[in-house]
Structure formats: structure tokens, C-alpha cells
Protein backbone atom coordinates (compact mmCIF):
# COMPACT_ATOMS: atom_id res chain seq x y z
CA MET A 1 -0.03 0.05 0.01
CA GLN A 2 2.79 2.34 0.82
CA ASN A 3 4.36 1.76 -2.64
CA LEU A 4 1.05 2.64 -4.33
CA LEU A 5 0.92 5.90 -2.36
CA ASP A 6 4.48 6.67 -3.46
CA TYR A 7 3.47 6.21 -7.10
CA GLU A 8 0.44 8.53 -6.61
CA ILE A 9 2.67 11.22 -5.10
CA ILE A 10 4.87 11.12 -8.24
CA LEU A 11 2.29 10.46 -10.97
CA LEU A 12 -0.63 12.75 -10.06
CA PRO A 13 1.33 15.99 -10.20
CA LEU A 14 2.94 14.81 -13.46
CA CYS A 15 -0.49 14.13 -15.00
CA ARG A 16 -1.76 17.55 -13.93
CA TYR A 17 1.38 19.17 -15.53
CA LEU A 18 0.91 17.33 -18.81
CA HIS A 19 -2.78 18.30 -18.98
CA ALA A 20 -2.03 22.00 -18.22
CA ASN A 21 0.70 22.12 -20.80
CA ALA A 22 -0.94 20.07 -23.58
CA SER A 23 -1.36 23.09 -25.85
CA PHE A 24 2.25 24.20 -25.36
CA MET A 25 3.52 20.68 -26.16
CA LYS A 26 1.39 20.60 -29.30
CA THR A 27 2.91 23.88 -30.43
CA GLU A 28 6.40 22.58 -29.84
CA MET A 29 5.72 19.43 -31.90
CA ILE A 30 4.39 21.52 -34.79
CA THR A 31 7.66 23.42 -34.98
CA LEU A 32 9.46 20.14 -35.84
CA LYS A 33 7.89 20.06 -39.35
CA LYS A 34 10.18 20.63 -42.33
CA VAL A 35 10.75 24.33 -42.82
CA SER A 36 10.15 25.68 -46.32
CA LEU A 37 11.34 28.77 -48.19
CA LYS A 38 7.79 30.08 -47.87
CA ASP A 39 7.93 29.82 -44.07
CA ILE A 40 11.20 31.81 -43.99
CA ALA A 41 9.84 34.40 -46.39
CA ALA A 42 6.68 34.89 -44.28
CA LYS A 43 8.73 35.47 -41.12
CA ALA A 44 11.17 37.78 -42.90
CA GLY A 45 8.44 39.76 -44.62
CA VAL A 46 9.95 39.20 -48.12
CA SER A 47 9.17 37.18 -51.20
CA THR A 48 9.93 33.49 -51.54
CA ALA A 49 12.06 34.21 -54.65
CA LEU A 50 14.22 36.61 -52.68
CA VAL A 51 14.75 33.98 -49.97
CA SER A 52 15.73 31.47 -52.65
CA PHE A 53 18.28 33.79 -54.13
CA VAL A 54 19.92 34.43 -50.78
CA LEU A 55 20.02 30.74 -49.63
CA ASN A 56 21.49 29.70 -53.00
CA GLY A 57 24.27 32.27 -52.77
CA LYS A 58 22.92 34.56 -55.55
CA GLY A 59 22.16 37.58 -53.35
CA GLN A 60 24.74 39.85 -54.93
CA GLU A 61 23.82 38.67 -58.46
CA HIS A 62 20.29 39.92 -57.80
CA ARG A 63 21.41 43.03 -55.97
CA ILE A 64 19.98 42.06 -52.62
CA GLY A 65 21.16 44.29 -49.78
CA GLU A 66 23.68 42.86 -47.30
CA GLU A 67 21.45 43.69 -44.31
CA THR A 68 18.41 41.94 -45.90
CA ALA A 69 20.57 38.91 -46.82
CA ARG A 70 21.89 38.69 -43.24
CA HIS A 71 18.38 38.99 -41.90
CA ILE A 72 17.16 36.07 -44.11
CA LEU A 73 20.13 33.86 -43.26
CA GLN A 74 19.63 34.48 -39.57
CA ILE A 75 15.97 33.54 -39.71
CA ALA A 76 16.81 30.39 -41.72
CA LYS A 77 19.31 29.46 -38.98
CA GLU A 78 16.82 30.13 -36.18
CA MET A 79 14.17 27.99 -37.95
CA ASN A 80 16.72 25.17 -38.44
CA TYR A 81 16.23 25.21 -42.22
CA ARG A 82 17.61 22.26 -44.13
CA PRO A 83 17.82 22.49 -47.95
CA ASN A 84 16.09 19.96 -50.14
CA LEU A 85 19.14 18.25 -51.69
CA ALA A 86 17.11 16.43 -54.31
CA ALA A 87 15.54 19.65 -55.57
CA ARG A 88 18.83 21.46 -55.49
CA GLY A 89 20.39 18.57 -57.45
CA LEU A 90 17.76 18.96 -60.19
CA ARG A 91 18.67 22.68 -60.54
CA SER A 92 22.45 22.47 -60.26
CA GLY A 93 23.27 18.95 -61.32
CA THR A 94 24.87 18.22 -57.86
CA THR A 95 23.54 17.23 -54.50
CA GLY A 96 26.56 17.94 -52.22
CA THR A 97 26.68 14.26 -51.27
CA LEU A 98 29.42 11.61 -51.63
CA GLY A 99 29.05 7.85 -51.59
CA VAL A 100 31.69 5.73 -49.77
CA VAL A 101 31.89 1.91 -49.95
CA VAL A 102 34.42 0.13 -47.68
CA SER A 103 34.96 -3.55 -47.01
CA ASP A 104 33.73 -3.63 -43.42
CA ILE A 105 33.06 -0.49 -41.39
CA SER A 106 33.38 -2.49 -38.16
CA ASN A 107 37.05 -3.13 -38.99
CA PRO A 108 39.07 -0.50 -37.00
CA PHE A 109 41.09 0.45 -40.12
CA PHE A 110 37.96 1.08 -42.24
CA ALA A 111 36.13 2.75 -39.36
CA GLN A 112 38.98 5.31 -39.12
CA ILE A 113 38.86 5.84 -42.87
CA ALA A 114 35.12 6.50 -42.67
CA ARG A 115 35.65 9.02 -39.84
CA ASP A 116 38.40 10.83 -41.68
CA ILE A 117 36.50 10.95 -44.97
CA GLU A 118 33.45 12.31 -43.18
CA ASP A 119 35.48 15.03 -41.49
CA ALA A 120 37.29 16.00 -44.74
CA ALA A 121 34.02 16.12 -46.67
CA ASP A 122 32.24 18.14 -43.99
CA LYS A 123 34.91 20.79 -44.20
CA LEU A 124 34.13 21.08 -47.92
CA GLY A 125 30.37 21.28 -47.30
CA ARG A 126 29.63 17.72 -48.32
CA THR A 127 27.53 14.95 -46.75
CA VAL A 128 28.66 11.30 -46.90
CA PHE A 129 26.67 8.12 -47.27
CA PHE A 130 28.47 4.85 -46.24
CA GLY A 131 28.10 1.15 -47.01
CA SER A 132 30.09 -2.06 -46.35
CA SER A 133 30.58 -4.56 -49.12
CA ASP A 134 31.70 -7.47 -46.87
CA GLU A 135 34.23 -8.31 -49.55
CA SER A 136 31.37 -9.36 -51.86
CA ALA A 137 31.56 -8.05 -55.47
CA GLU A 138 27.77 -8.49 -55.88
CA LYS A 139 26.98 -6.59 -52.67
CA MET A 140 29.48 -3.86 -53.67
CA LYS A 141 27.68 -3.49 -57.04
CA THR A 142 24.31 -3.23 -55.32
CA LEU A 143 25.49 -0.62 -52.82
CA ILE A 144 27.03 1.52 -55.55
CA SER A 145 23.84 1.30 -57.58
CA GLY A 146 21.81 2.44 -54.58
CA LEU A 147 24.15 5.38 -53.91
CA ILE A 148 24.01 6.50 -57.54
CA ASN A 149 20.20 6.33 -57.39
CA ARG A 150 20.33 8.63 -54.35
CA GLY A 151 22.07 11.15 -56.46
CA VAL A 152 25.57 11.16 -54.97
CA ASP A 153 28.02 13.38 -56.91
CA GLY A 154 30.83 10.89 -56.73
CA LEU A 155 32.20 7.74 -55.15
CA ILE A 156 35.15 6.57 -53.01
CA VAL A 157 35.34 2.80 -53.12
CA VAL A 158 37.54 0.21 -51.48
CA PRO A 159 37.14 -2.44 -54.20
CA CYS A 160 36.87 -6.10 -53.42
CA GLU A 161 38.08 -9.05 -55.44
CA HIS A 162 36.24 -9.72 -58.73
CA SER A 163 34.76 -6.17 -58.82
CA GLU A 164 36.68 -5.07 -61.94
CA ASP A 165 33.57 -5.09 -64.19
CA THR A 166 31.69 -2.75 -61.77
CA ILE A 167 34.65 -0.33 -61.70
CA GLN A 168 34.93 -0.43 -65.51
CA GLU A 169 31.21 0.31 -65.86
CA LEU A 170 31.55 3.37 -63.59
CA CYS A 171 34.45 4.66 -65.58
CA LYS A 172 32.55 4.04 -68.82
CA ASN A 173 29.62 6.14 -67.55
CA LYS A 174 31.96 8.90 -66.35
CA ILE A 175 30.91 8.64 -62.68
CA PRO A 176 33.50 10.54 -60.58
CA LEU A 177 35.31 7.79 -58.74
CA VAL A 178 38.40 7.30 -56.56
CA LEU A 179 39.56 3.88 -55.45
CA LEU A 180 41.03 3.84 -51.92
CA ASP A 181 43.42 1.33 -50.26
CA ARG A 182 43.32 -0.91 -53.35
CA ASN A 183 43.54 -0.39 -57.10
CA PHE A 184 43.53 -2.30 -60.36
CA ASN A 185 46.51 -1.83 -62.62
CA ASP A 186 44.57 -2.53 -65.83
CA ILE A 187 41.82 0.07 -65.12
CA ASN A 188 42.47 3.80 -65.83
CA VAL A 189 40.89 5.20 -62.69
CA SER A 190 42.09 7.48 -59.91
CA TYR A 191 43.34 5.79 -56.74
CA VAL A 192 44.97 6.56 -53.35
CA VAL A 193 46.87 3.63 -51.82
CA LEU A 194 49.69 2.86 -49.44
CA ASP A 195 53.01 1.93 -50.97
CA ASN A 196 52.43 -1.66 -49.95
CA PHE A 197 55.58 -3.09 -51.50
CA ASN A 198 57.77 -0.67 -49.61
CA ALA A 199 55.93 -1.16 -46.30
CA ALA A 200 56.21 -4.94 -46.48
CA TYR A 201 59.84 -4.80 -47.50
CA LYS A 202 60.81 -2.55 -44.60
CA ALA A 203 58.86 -4.70 -42.11
CA THR A 204 60.53 -7.94 -43.24
CA ARG A 205 63.97 -6.39 -43.53
CA HIS A 206 63.62 -5.17 -39.93
CA LEU A 207 62.95 -8.68 -38.70
CA ILE A 208 65.93 -10.03 -40.65
CA ASP A 209 68.21 -7.26 -39.34
CA SER A 210 66.98 -8.08 -35.80
CA GLY A 211 68.58 -11.53 -36.11
CA TYR A 212 65.66 -13.82 -37.03
CA LYS A 213 66.67 -16.67 -39.31
CA LYS A 214 63.37 -17.94 -40.67
CA VAL A 215 60.85 -15.16 -41.37
CA GLY A 216 57.36 -16.06 -42.64
CA ILE A 217 54.23 -14.27 -43.75
CA ILE A 218 50.54 -15.23 -43.31
CA ALA A 219 48.50 -13.52 -46.05
CA TYR A 220 45.06 -13.67 -47.57
CA ASP A 221 44.68 -15.82 -50.71
CA VAL A 222 43.40 -13.02 -52.95
CA LYS A 223 44.66 -11.42 -56.18
CA LEU A 224 44.01 -7.83 -55.05
CA ASN A 225 46.98 -5.56 -55.62
CA HIS A 226 47.49 -4.42 -52.01
CA MET A 227 47.90 -7.99 -50.75
CA GLN A 228 50.05 -9.14 -53.72
CA ASP A 229 52.30 -6.10 -53.24
CA ARG A 230 52.77 -6.89 -49.53
CA ILE A 231 53.73 -10.46 -50.38
CA ARG A 232 56.15 -9.20 -53.09
CA GLY A 233 57.77 -6.82 -50.61
CA TYR A 234 58.23 -9.68 -48.11
CA LYS A 235 59.71 -11.96 -50.83
CA GLU A 236 62.11 -9.31 -52.02
CA ALA A 237 63.49 -8.79 -48.46
CA VAL A 238 64.00 -12.51 -47.71
CA ALA A 239 65.57 -13.14 -51.22
CA GLU A 240 68.07 -10.33 -50.63
CA ALA A 241 69.05 -11.94 -47.29
CA GLY A 242 69.48 -15.35 -49.01
CA MET A 243 66.49 -16.86 -47.11
CA ALA A 244 63.79 -19.13 -48.38
CA ALA A 245 60.31 -17.58 -48.47
CA ASN A 246 57.72 -19.04 -46.14
CA VAL A 247 54.40 -17.80 -47.55
CA LEU A 248 51.28 -19.19 -45.91
CA VAL A 249 48.08 -18.13 -47.64
CA ILE A 250 44.62 -18.44 -46.11
CA LYS A 251 41.13 -18.14 -47.44
CA GLN A 252 38.86 -15.52 -45.81
CA LYS A 253 36.01 -18.10 -45.68
CA ASN A 254 36.23 -20.09 -42.48
CA PHE A 255 38.98 -17.69 -41.42
CA ASP A 256 39.48 -18.93 -37.86
CA LYS A 257 40.13 -22.58 -38.86
CA ALA A 258 42.36 -21.59 -41.77
CA PHE A 259 44.41 -19.19 -39.60
CA ASP A 260 44.97 -21.79 -36.89
CA LYS A 261 46.11 -24.27 -39.47
CA ALA A 262 48.52 -21.76 -40.94
CA MET A 263 49.95 -20.88 -37.46
CA ARG A 264 50.46 -24.56 -36.63
CA LYS A 265 52.37 -25.07 -39.89
CA ALA A 266 54.52 -22.02 -39.32
CA MET A 267 55.52 -23.20 -35.81
CA ASP A 268 56.08 -26.81 -37.01
CA ASP A 269 58.30 -25.52 -39.83
CA GLY A 270 60.51 -23.62 -37.39
CA VAL A 271 59.46 -20.08 -38.42
CA ASP A 272 60.94 -17.77 -35.78
CA ALA A 273 59.38 -14.45 -36.95
CA LEU A 274 56.18 -13.40 -38.83
CA PHE A 275 55.14 -10.43 -40.88
CA LEU A 276 51.40 -10.13 -40.61
CA PRO A 277 49.98 -7.88 -43.41
CA THR A 278 46.59 -6.88 -42.04
CA VAL A 279 45.23 -5.82 -38.64
CA THR A 280 42.75 -8.74 -38.57
CA ILE A 281 45.50 -11.28 -39.21
CA THR A 282 47.68 -9.65 -36.58
CA ILE A 283 45.00 -9.77 -33.91
CA SER A 284 44.20 -13.41 -34.70
CA CYS A 285 47.93 -14.12 -34.22
CA LEU A 286 47.92 -12.42 -30.81
CA HIS A 287 45.00 -14.62 -29.72
CA TYR A 288 46.83 -17.77 -30.92
CA ILE A 289 50.03 -16.74 -29.08
CA ASN A 290 48.11 -16.29 -25.82
CA ASP A 291 46.24 -19.63 -26.26
CA HIS A 292 49.52 -21.56 -26.94
CA ASN A 293 51.86 -19.78 -24.48
CA ILE A 294 54.25 -18.69 -27.17
CA GLU A 295 57.05 -16.38 -25.84
CA ILE A 296 57.33 -13.11 -27.72
CA PRO A 297 59.84 -11.98 -28.98
CA LYS A 298 62.26 -14.74 -27.96
CA GLN A 299 60.31 -17.67 -29.47
CA LEU A 300 58.58 -15.74 -32.22
CA GLY A 301 59.17 -12.16 -33.51
CA LEU A 302 56.23 -10.20 -34.87
CA VAL A 303 55.56 -7.15 -37.06
CA GLY A 304 51.80 -6.51 -37.62
CA PHE A 305 49.79 -3.94 -39.57
CA ASP A 306 47.88 -0.74 -38.68
CA GLY A 307 48.27 -0.80 -34.90
CA GLY A 308 45.48 -0.25 -32.28
CA ASP A 309 44.62 -0.85 -28.69
CA ALA A 310 45.32 -4.68 -28.97
CA PHE A 311 48.85 -3.91 -30.07
CA ASP A 312 49.41 -1.51 -27.10
CA LEU A 313 47.81 -3.70 -24.45
CA PHE A 314 49.26 -7.02 -25.44
CA SER A 315 51.77 -8.46 -22.92
CA VAL A 316 54.56 -7.36 -25.24
CA PRO A 317 54.04 -4.12 -27.24
CA VAL A 318 53.67 -5.07 -30.90
CA SER A 319 55.72 -3.61 -33.79
CA TYR A 320 53.62 -2.61 -36.82
CA VAL A 321 53.38 -0.81 -40.16
CA SER A 322 51.52 2.42 -39.61
CA GLN A 323 49.38 3.58 -42.48
CA PRO A 324 48.84 7.37 -42.76
CA VAL A 325 45.07 6.82 -42.70
CA ARG A 326 44.11 10.49 -42.44
CA HIS A 327 46.39 11.44 -45.36
CA LEU A 328 45.01 8.60 -47.51
CA SER A 329 41.37 9.58 -46.72
CA VAL A 330 41.84 13.34 -47.16
CA LYS A 331 43.68 12.91 -50.41
CA ALA A 332 40.86 10.69 -51.83
CA VAL A 333 38.32 13.36 -50.96
CA GLU A 334 40.38 16.09 -52.53
CA ILE A 335 40.81 14.13 -55.77
CA LEU A 336 37.11 13.25 -55.89
CA ILE A 337 35.99 16.88 -55.32
CA ASP A 338 38.37 18.01 -58.07
CA MET A 339 36.78 15.50 -60.42
CA ILE A 340 33.25 16.65 -59.54
CA VAL A 341 34.10 20.34 -59.92
CA ASN A 342 36.40 20.08 -62.93
CA LYS A 343 34.74 17.65 -65.34
CA ASN A 344 37.98 17.21 -67.32
CA ALA A 345 40.20 16.50 -64.28
CA SER A 346 42.97 14.04 -65.12
CA VAL A 347 43.21 10.57 -63.59
CA GLN A 348 45.51 10.53 -60.54
CA GLY A 349 47.35 7.59 -59.03
CA VAL A 350 48.77 8.33 -55.54
CA ARG A 351 50.96 5.99 -53.48
CA ILE A 352 51.69 7.20 -49.91
CA VAL A 353 54.59 5.87 -47.85
CA GLY A 354 53.80 4.30 -44.47
CA SER A 355 56.14 4.08 -41.44
CA LEU A 356 57.45 1.24 -39.33
CA ILE A 357 56.78 1.52 -35.64
CA VAL A 358 59.41 -0.68 -33.89
CA ARG A 359 58.56 -2.06 -30.44
CA GLN A 360 59.45 -4.98 -28.25
CA SER A 361 57.74 -7.78 -30.25
CA SER A 362 60.41 -7.67 -32.99
CA LEU A 363 63.49 -7.11 -30.76
CA PRO A 364 64.76 -10.46 -29.39
């Protein structure tokens, strides 16, 4: 009974308040409707056409006074006006939006790319729509089609394996496009990528110079340029040192089982150091090391890719190749905007050098 009285003490005054303020709440809800040019014009005491000129940056062209223009802009801001991008696109041929397709936005590397692209685009007055292909060429094609149907002005795409036809089709239809992180040598399209060969070479050379005698690599079994360049960089370094290459390739399907099998083979073959060319592969290796009580760096040296909290908080700080993610992302946005604004912009291919962060995991 006491509990019921407690509820009445709380609820009855609340009910009275809601009843007394019902008209006020209704008014507040009404203000949430989409604000139109006509609404702004009515409040400013001017014509709808005049408001349109000011909000579209044509005030001076139509000789609208600065004070009047400021007054209209202030009212638009107070009323939380949001332009109709679709209507604007019909008039100007652009919507101020960009489409971005990455492999997996939950992956820390691609999440950071998405964040940096969004920030760079926002500074240039652009809005970004994102999608994840999950390394599926069919899903990537569907996502791109949806983004184009939404009227995006251009695309930044992390292409997946077997997506060449989709990229070729976009180029054929003159859709402004920049490939990020990966590219296709046989397609004349703008791209921004890491110098993957150089990064892998430096990482492997560091392990060799640290005194390891049998350095291996665990890589994805894909034909994409970025992975093949990392394998090539590794092979070049071990060949220069007179060592045999120990390349263990794994399928992304049933990844956990494939990775465990590759690690067992590496340890059985006497590999004493590993270059791990992606953040996902590196983190999987750290789990395996913990589960099997492998001593780092004495029993096994490591250089991973991309870094992150797992690299910092592991029992031994992990060496890794650091990609200049912000630089890559910003450059991709800059090239894309140039293509959108300048219809005849030339194709650009940009390779950006990464850096090797040396820590305890690679220093026996």
C-alpha cells in the first residue's frame, strides 16, 4: 500500500502538468515540421524568390542588400532550415553528397577511414553516405547502384576481389570515382593507396636485421594488388638476405580454422618471426600466441599492420606498419571533389609511404 501511495505522489502531479501544458507541447511538436522557403519568407516579410536567391548564394547577383541577406540567413538558421538536396540537385546537377563503400566498417582500419572521410568532406560542405561490401563483389555493385540512385556526386570505393567489371562500368559512364586502399593496374581510374611493397619490404627487412633466421608471412589468398604487393615486398626482403620464402596463404572463408592451421604449420616448420600484413590477421595471431603460451619476442618475432589498442595492451608491445590513414582519406576526398568540380580533371594515381613502428615484439 505504501508503494502505491508513493506512485500517486509522483504520478498525479505529473498528469496535472501534462494536462495543463498540452497546448504548449502541441505547439512545440508543430515546429518540428520541415521548414520551407515560404515559411522563412513569411517570417522575414519578403518574397519566396528573394529567400531562394539568398540561400542559394545569388544575393549579390540579384542586388539584394547585405542587411536583408543577413536577416534572411539569420531567420533560416533560427528556424533550423535544411535545404532539399534532391531539388537542389535537379537545378544544379549536384547534391553535395558523396558515396563511400568500404569492405567492413566495423574493422578498425575502415572505421577510421570512414571517420576521416566524413570530417574532410564536411569541411568542404559535403555529406557522406556509407556502405560495407563485406568483400562481396555483388553486394558492392548493389551498394554503388543504390548510392548513384540517391544522387551522390561521386564515389570513393575500397574495391573487393572480382569487382573489376563494376569499376569499369563506372568509368565508362563517367561517374566521378576514386579507389582507396586498393587499385587495379589494368583500369584507368584515380586511386589513393599505401606503398604496400615498400611497407612490407621494410617490415620484413627489420625482422631479418634483428637476427631472425626464418621469417614467414601469413596472407590472404586474394589477387588484389594491395595483398600481392605486400607479399612481393616480403619476398624481395628475404631473397636479398638469402633466405627461403615461407608464404602461408589463407582463405577468408572459415577464417579462424584456416588461420589456426597456418599458425600450426609455421611453428612446425620452425618459423621464428612473422610479418602479418593486415590488422585482422595480426589480432588473430595475438590470440593464438596467448592460447598456446608462445614467448614473444624470444620464441617468435612479430611485425603487424595498422596498430590499435590490442597492439598496445598485449603483454609485449607489438611492432607494426603504420598507415597514414588520415592522409589517404583526405587525399581521396580532394581528388574526388576536383573530379566533380572540374569535369575534365585528369586521372591521378597516388601512393603514400607508411612508417614502421618498432617495439618490443620484434626485438629479441
